C-alpha atoms as a PDB file:
ATOM      1  CA  UNK A   1     111.458 110.050 215.511  1.00  0.00           C
ATOM      2  CA  UNK A   2     108.173 110.448 213.699  1.00  0.00           C
ATOM      3  CA  UNK A   3     105.284 108.231 214.140  1.00  0.00           C
ATOM      4  CA  UNK A   4     105.775 106.495 210.849  1.00  0.00           C
ATOM      5  CA  UNK A   5     109.436 105.748 211.581  1.00  0.00           C
ATOM      6  CA  UNK A   6     108.428 104.539 215.162  1.00  0.00           C
ATOM      7  CA  UNK A   7     105.807 102.204 213.618  1.00  0.00           C
ATOM      8  CA  UNK A   8     108.360 100.742 211.150  1.00  0.00           C
ATOM      9  CA  UNK A   9     110.824 100.181 213.958  1.00  0.00           C
ATOM     10  CA  UNK A  10     108.290  98.439 216.142  1.00  0.00           C
ATOM     11  CA  UNK A  11     107.220  96.252 213.178  1.00  0.00           C
ATOM     12  CA  UNK A  12     110.991  95.440 212.616  1.00  0.00           C
ATOM     13  CA  UNK A  13     111.463  94.513 216.274  1.00  0.00           C
ATOM     14  CA  UNK A  14     108.517  92.165 216.101  1.00  0.00           C
ATOM     15  CA  UNK A  15     110.255  90.438 213.236  1.00  0.00           C
ATOM     16  CA  UNK A  16     113.410  90.147 215.232  1.00  0.00           C
ATOM     17  CA  UNK A  17     111.421  88.624 218.021  1.00  0.00           C
ATOM     18  CA  UNK A  18     109.910  85.957 215.646  1.00  0.00           C
ATOM     19  CA  UNK A  19     112.572  85.307 213.037  1.00  0.00           C
ATOM     20  CA  UNK A  20     115.894  86.571 214.654  1.00  0.00           C
ATOM     21  CA  UNK A  21     116.472  89.474 212.304  1.00  0.00           C
ATOM     22  CA  UNK A  22     114.644  92.438 210.701  1.00  0.00           C
ATOM     23  CA  UNK A  23     114.981  90.800 207.227  1.00  0.00           C
ATOM     24  CA  UNK A  24     116.751  87.774 205.754  1.00  0.00           C
ATOM     25  CA  UNK A  25     120.636  88.201 205.713  1.00  0.00           C
ATOM     26  CA  UNK A  26     120.796  88.463 201.890  1.00  0.00           C
ATOM     27  CA  UNK A  27     118.518  91.530 201.864  1.00  0.00           C
ATOM     28  CA  UNK A  28     120.701  94.642 201.567  1.00  0.00           C
ATOM     29  CA  UNK A  29     117.896  97.234 201.337  1.00  0.00           C
ATOM     30  CA  UNK A  30     119.107 100.596 202.655  1.00  0.00           C
ATOM     31  CA  UNK A  31     115.970 100.957 204.862  1.00  0.00           C
ATOM     32  CA  UNK A  32     116.519  97.587 206.426  1.00  0.00           C
ATOM     33  CA  UNK A  33     120.203  98.539 207.143  1.00  0.00           C
ATOM     34  CA  UNK A  34     119.031 101.818 208.802  1.00  0.00           C
ATOM     35  CA  UNK A  35     116.486 100.059 210.865  1.00  0.00           C
ATOM     36  CA  UNK A  36     118.961  97.404 211.981  1.00  0.00           C
ATOM     37  CA  UNK A  37     121.600 100.034 212.930  1.00  0.00           C
ATOM     38  CA  UNK A  38     119.046 102.231 214.761  1.00  0.00           C
ATOM     39  CA  UNK A  39     117.778  99.261 216.773  1.00  0.00           C
ATOM     40  CA  UNK A  40     121.344  98.250 217.733  1.00  0.00           C
ATOM     41  CA  UNK A  41     122.371 101.869 218.671  1.00  0.00           C
ATOM     42  CA  UNK A  42     119.185 102.287 220.762  1.00  0.00           C
ATOM     43  CA  UNK A  43     119.958  99.015 222.610  1.00  0.00           C
ATOM     44  CA  UNK A  44     116.774  97.499 221.373  1.00  0.00           C
ATOM     45  CA  UNK A  45     118.349  94.354 219.962  1.00  0.00           C
ATOM     46  CA  UNK A  46     121.795  92.689 220.072  1.00  0.00           C
ATOM     47  CA  UNK A  47     123.627  89.834 218.393  1.00  0.00           C
ATOM     48  CA  UNK A  48     123.628  86.598 220.304  1.00  0.00           C
ATOM     49  CA  UNK A  49     126.709  84.464 219.448  1.00  0.00           C
ATOM     50  CA  UNK A  50     125.235  81.324 221.002  1.00  0.00           C
ATOM     51  CA  UNK A  51     122.054  81.457 218.940  1.00  0.00           C
ATOM     52  CA  UNK A  52     123.566  82.919 215.793  1.00  0.00           C
ATOM     53  CA  UNK A  53     120.930  85.697 215.378  1.00  0.00           C
ATOM     54  CA  UNK A  54     119.682  88.894 216.800  1.00  0.00           C
ATOM     55  CA  UNK A  55     117.647  88.895 220.025  1.00  0.00           C
ATOM     56  CA  UNK A  56     115.622  91.633 221.621  1.00  0.00           C
ATOM     57  CA  UNK A  57     116.854  93.334 224.709  1.00  0.00           C
ATOM     58  CA  UNK A  58     114.551  94.269 227.650  1.00  0.00           C
ATOM     59  CA  UNK A  59     114.414  97.759 226.216  1.00  0.00           C
ATOM     60  CA  UNK A  60     113.228  96.410 222.824  1.00  0.00           C
ATOM     61  CA  UNK A  61     110.437  94.347 224.509  1.00  0.00           C
ATOM     62  CA  UNK A  62     109.324  97.347 226.467  1.00  0.00           C
ATOM     63  CA  UNK A  63     109.271  99.420 223.237  1.00  0.00           C
ATOM     64  CA  UNK A  64     107.025  96.849 221.521  1.00  0.00           C
ATOM     65  CA  UNK A  65     104.656  96.610 224.546  1.00  0.00           C
ATOM     66  CA  UNK A  66     104.428 100.327 225.061  1.00  0.00           C
ATOM     67  CA  UNK A  67     103.043 100.740 221.541  1.00  0.00           C
ATOM     68  CA  UNK A  68     100.157  98.301 222.308  1.00  0.00           C
ATOM     69  CA  UNK A  69      98.928 100.307 225.295  1.00  0.00           C
ATOM     70  CA  UNK A  70      96.524 103.142 225.120  1.00  0.00           C
ATOM     71  CA  UNK A  71      97.865 106.361 226.394  1.00  0.00           C
ATOM     72  CA  UNK A  72      96.857 106.929 230.012  1.00  0.00           C
ATOM     73  CA  UNK A  73      95.420 110.044 231.393  1.00  0.00           C
ATOM     74  CA  UNK A  74      95.699 111.297 234.920  1.00  0.00           C
ATOM     75  CA  UNK A  75      92.526 112.565 236.514  1.00  0.00           C
ATOM     76  CA  UNK A  76      92.484 115.002 239.397  1.00  0.00           C
ATOM     77  CA  UNK A  77      90.889 113.714 242.574  1.00  0.00           C
ATOM     78  CA  UNK A  78      88.179 116.242 243.814  1.00  0.00           C
ATOM     79  CA  UNK A  79      87.055 116.388 247.335  1.00  0.00           C
ATOM     80  CA  UNK A  80      83.431 116.332 248.229  1.00  0.00           C
ATOM     81  CA  UNK A  81      83.535 119.926 249.506  1.00  0.00           C
ATOM     82  CA  UNK A  82      84.841 121.116 246.124  1.00  0.00           C
ATOM     83  CA  UNK A  83      82.103 119.211 244.315  1.00  0.00           C
ATOM     84  CA  UNK A  84      79.421 120.757 246.681  1.00  0.00           C
ATOM     85  CA  UNK A  85      80.718 124.259 246.151  1.00  0.00           C
ATOM     86  CA  UNK A  86      80.588 123.954 242.299  1.00  0.00           C
ATOM     87  CA  UNK A  87      77.233 122.110 242.179  1.00  0.00           C
ATOM     88  CA  UNK A  88      74.169 124.108 241.176  1.00  0.00           C
ATOM     89  CA  UNK A  89      71.651 124.676 244.083  1.00  0.00           C
ATOM     90  CA  UNK A  90      69.125 121.966 244.554  1.00  0.00           C
ATOM     91  CA  UNK A  91      65.527 122.795 243.883  1.00  0.00           C
ATOM     92  CA  UNK A  92      63.041 121.615 246.595  1.00  0.00           C
ATOM     93  CA  UNK A  93      59.859 119.856 245.528  1.00  0.00           C
ATOM     94  CA  UNK A  94      56.810 121.919 245.726  1.00  0.00           C
ATOM     95  CA  UNK A  95      53.897 119.927 247.372  1.00  0.00           C
END
């Protein structure tokens, strides 16, 4: 999935969280239908019979929250001995 499609899907999931659906039921736009079907097939949202609208699943909530976080980077831990070996030699003060 490209980044623009992912962005549209996350925006649609946010609408589901607030309004209960990606768009009002009378909207039959093809893109809306595709987003709705993609979200259901990916188990990001489901129909709740008791409430009468779509609700996000745990996976859908994780997908929304993961887009808000900055990507993490893993840094290698270096030992003091390695740092001392790679450091340039110290210059002594001339008095």
